[in-house]
Amino acid sequence: MNQTLLVIDAQQELIDGNQEESAVFNKAQLITNINLLIEKAREANVPVVFVRDLDVAEGIGKGFQIHDEINVPTDIKLFDKKATNSFHGTGLLNHLRTQEIEHIVIAGCKTQHCIDSAVRTATISGFDVTLVGDAHSTTASDFLSAEQIIKHHNETLHGHYNVENFSIVRKSGEDLFLPTHDSYR
């Protein structure tokens, strides 16, 4: 089965925050878990794709770059996006299809925006998705804490389906590149 690790918006300023926005919830653990996923992908010979948001740090400088504590492999595929959805206006979907990817493991930021839209778009685009429940994060809203938002999305997106393909939520410590989707079909 062809698969990939997709890390979305794991950028310096988004994770650490700035003058207007606080750091994401549990940022040290988020970085640790993303690094664990990258290592597992390397060991399983699974390619890693990063997506960066051009709105972060106005698309320039250190704040725009992938967080400096993330162990970025040298052979990543990188896409920059203008929209919330990683598939909109980028070559991501075409790349995944030309690589004959069937399963995507997703991590990154922010839970209720870019992560949610990527999971849902991937399933309707013909991919099974594993959302890594402890490797995505966000900041609080006016009504919910970041932790509540993350828990809500983990519950909502576990078992989210579009007939043929669906998403499940697993932890970073699991063997994520041995997908378990077929046991749910």
Protein backbone atom coordinates (compact mmCIF):
# COMPACT_ATOMS: atom_id res chain seq x y z
CA MET A 1 0.00 0.00 0.00
CA ASN A 2 1.37 3.40 -0.96
CA GLN A 3 1.11 5.94 1.81
CA THR A 4 2.48 9.27 2.93
CA LEU A 5 2.89 11.39 6.04
CA LEU A 6 1.29 14.81 5.53
CA VAL A 7 2.40 17.51 7.99
CA ILE A 8 0.30 20.66 7.69
CA ASP A 9 1.29 24.17 8.81
CA ALA A 10 3.93 23.09 11.33
CA GLN A 11 5.47 26.53 10.99
CA GLN A 12 7.57 28.48 13.47
CA GLU A 13 5.23 31.43 14.08
CA LEU A 14 2.06 29.38 14.03
CA ILE A 15 3.36 26.92 16.64
CA ASP A 16 5.18 29.47 18.83
CA GLY A 17 2.65 32.28 18.43
CA ASN A 18 3.29 35.99 17.94
CA GLN A 19 2.07 39.34 19.29
CA GLU A 20 -1.53 38.70 18.20
CA GLU A 21 -1.79 34.94 18.63
CA SER A 22 -0.72 32.61 21.43
CA ALA A 23 1.30 29.43 20.96
CA VAL A 24 -0.64 26.30 20.10
CA PHE A 25 -1.79 24.02 22.88
CA ASN A 26 0.86 21.62 24.18
CA LYS A 27 3.40 22.76 21.59
CA ALA A 28 6.39 20.85 23.00
CA GLN A 29 4.48 17.55 22.83
CA LEU A 30 3.20 18.41 19.36
CA ILE A 31 6.76 18.88 18.09
CA THR A 32 7.93 15.69 19.81
CA ASN A 33 5.08 13.70 18.26
CA ILE A 34 5.63 15.13 14.77
CA ASN A 35 9.31 14.19 15.04
CA LEU A 36 8.30 10.68 16.11
CA LEU A 37 6.04 10.40 13.06
CA ILE A 38 8.83 11.58 10.75
CA GLU A 39 11.18 8.98 12.22
CA LYS A 40 8.56 6.23 11.84
CA ALA A 41 7.93 7.32 8.23
CA ARG A 42 11.67 7.18 7.52
CA GLU A 43 11.93 3.69 9.03
CA ALA A 44 8.92 2.51 6.99
CA ASN A 45 10.26 4.15 3.81
CA VAL A 46 7.15 6.35 3.65
CA PRO A 47 7.55 9.75 1.95
CA VAL A 48 6.89 12.93 3.93
CA VAL A 49 4.94 15.89 2.54
CA PHE A 50 4.84 19.30 4.22
CA VAL A 51 2.33 22.05 3.53
CA ARG A 52 2.96 25.65 4.60
CA ASP A 53 0.38 28.41 4.91
CA LEU A 54 1.36 31.61 3.08
CA ASP A 55 -0.59 33.66 5.66
CA VAL A 56 1.79 32.65 8.45
CA ALA A 57 4.37 35.41 9.01
CA GLU A 58 3.15 36.96 5.75
CA GLY A 59 4.84 34.11 3.88
CA ILE A 60 8.40 35.26 4.64
CA GLY A 61 11.25 34.86 7.10
CA LYS A 62 11.91 32.41 9.88
CA GLY A 63 8.32 32.55 11.17
CA PHE A 64 7.06 31.19 7.84
CA GLN A 65 9.47 28.24 7.81
CA ILE A 66 8.82 24.79 9.22
CA HIS A 67 9.47 24.93 12.98
CA ASP A 68 13.21 24.70 13.66
CA GLU A 69 12.72 21.93 16.25
CA ILE A 70 11.11 19.65 13.68
CA ASN A 71 13.54 17.18 12.12
CA VAL A 72 12.69 17.85 8.49
CA PRO A 73 13.99 15.14 6.14
CA THR A 74 16.02 16.35 3.18
CA ASP A 75 13.82 14.60 0.63
CA ILE A 76 10.42 16.08 1.51
CA LYS A 77 7.85 17.30 -0.97
CA LEU A 78 6.74 20.84 -0.05
CA PHE A 79 3.60 22.73 -1.01
CA ASP A 80 2.61 26.28 -0.11
CA LYS A 81 -1.07 27.17 0.13
CA LYS A 82 -3.17 30.31 0.26
CA ALA A 83 -6.39 28.66 1.46
CA THR A 84 -7.35 26.77 4.60
CA ASN A 85 -7.60 23.59 2.57
CA SER A 86 -4.23 22.03 1.70
CA PHE A 87 -5.69 20.64 -1.53
CA HIS A 88 -7.00 23.97 -2.85
CA GLY A 89 -4.74 25.74 -5.32
CA THR A 90 -1.78 23.45 -4.68
CA GLY A 91 -0.41 20.45 -6.51
CA LEU A 92 -0.99 18.21 -3.49
CA LEU A 93 -3.86 16.15 -4.91
CA ASN A 94 -2.07 15.60 -8.22
CA HIS A 95 1.13 14.64 -6.38
CA LEU A 96 -0.69 12.08 -4.21
CA ARG A 97 -2.44 10.59 -7.22
CA THR A 98 0.71 10.34 -9.34
CA GLN A 99 2.41 8.59 -6.41
CA GLU A 100 -0.60 6.24 -6.23
CA ILE A 101 -1.05 7.06 -2.53
CA GLU A 102 -3.93 5.21 -0.85
CA HIS A 103 -3.38 6.11 2.82
CA ILE A 104 -2.45 9.48 4.32
CA VAL A 105 -1.27 9.99 7.91
CA ILE A 106 -2.04 13.60 8.92
CA ALA A 107 -0.52 15.84 11.61
CA GLY A 108 0.01 19.56 12.15
CA CYS A 109 -1.98 22.74 12.78
CA LYS A 110 -4.65 24.08 13.31
CA THR A 111 -7.15 21.42 14.27
CA GLN A 112 -10.47 23.06 13.44
CA HIS A 113 -9.25 24.72 10.27
CA CYS A 114 -6.53 23.19 8.10
CA ILE A 115 -6.47 19.74 9.72
CA ASP A 116 -10.24 19.27 9.57
CA SER A 117 -10.48 20.40 5.94
CA ALA A 118 -7.55 18.17 4.88
CA VAL A 119 -9.04 15.07 6.51
CA ARG A 120 -12.45 15.63 4.94
CA THR A 121 -11.09 16.53 1.50
CA ALA A 122 -8.75 13.53 1.49
CA THR A 123 -11.59 11.09 2.17
CA ILE A 124 -13.78 12.51 -0.60
CA SER A 125 -10.75 12.43 -2.91
CA GLY A 126 -10.32 8.68 -2.52
CA PHE A 127 -7.81 8.32 0.32
CA ASP A 128 -8.05 6.56 3.65
CA VAL A 129 -6.81 8.88 6.39
CA THR A 130 -5.25 8.33 9.77
CA LEU A 131 -5.43 11.51 11.82
CA VAL A 132 -2.82 11.38 14.55
CA GLY A 133 -4.87 12.43 17.56
CA ASP A 134 -1.91 13.63 19.63
CA ALA A 135 -0.01 15.26 16.74
CA HIS A 136 -2.33 18.11 15.79
CA SER A 137 -3.01 21.24 17.77
CA THR A 138 -4.64 24.65 17.85
CA THR A 139 -5.34 27.67 20.03
CA ALA A 140 -8.47 28.36 22.05
CA SER A 141 -11.51 30.06 20.55
CA ASP A 142 -13.83 32.48 22.32
CA PHE A 143 -16.02 29.52 23.33
CA LEU A 144 -13.80 26.44 23.61
CA SER A 145 -10.37 25.66 24.98
CA ALA A 146 -7.80 24.27 22.56
CA GLU A 147 -7.99 20.96 24.38
CA GLN A 148 -11.78 20.83 23.88
CA ILE A 149 -11.40 21.62 20.18
CA ILE A 150 -8.84 18.84 19.73
CA LYS A 151 -10.92 16.29 21.64
CA HIS A 152 -14.04 17.24 19.67
CA HIS A 153 -12.28 16.82 16.32
CA ASN A 154 -10.68 13.54 17.35
CA GLU A 155 -14.12 12.21 18.22
CA THR A 156 -15.85 13.68 15.16
CA LEU A 157 -13.25 12.60 12.62
CA HIS A 158 -12.82 9.05 13.97
CA GLY A 159 -14.94 7.01 11.61
CA HIS A 160 -15.75 9.98 9.35
CA TYR A 161 -16.52 8.42 5.99
CA ASN A 162 -17.41 9.16 2.42
CA VAL A 163 -18.66 5.71 1.40
CA GLU A 164 -15.44 4.10 0.13
CA ASN A 165 -12.84 5.98 2.17
CA PHE A 166 -12.80 7.22 5.72
CA SER A 167 -10.68 8.54 8.53
CA ILE A 168 -9.69 7.04 11.82
CA VAL A 169 -7.86 8.62 14.74
CA ARG A 170 -4.87 6.91 16.32
CA LYS A 171 -2.03 7.95 18.65
CA SER A 172 1.53 8.70 17.55
CA GLY A 173 2.89 5.71 19.49
CA GLU A 174 0.91 3.25 17.37
CA ASP A 175 2.15 1.60 14.19
CA LEU A 176 0.42 4.14 11.98
CA PHE A 177 1.93 2.92 8.73
CA LEU A 178 0.11 -0.38 9.19
CA PRO A 179 -3.37 1.06 8.61
CA THR A 180 -6.35 -0.59 10.27
CA HIS A 181 -9.10 0.85 8.04
CA ASP A 182 -10.02 -2.53 6.56
CA SER A 183 -10.96 -3.90 9.98
CA TYR A 184 -13.70 -1.22 10.11
CA ARG A 185 -15.15 -1.79 6.61
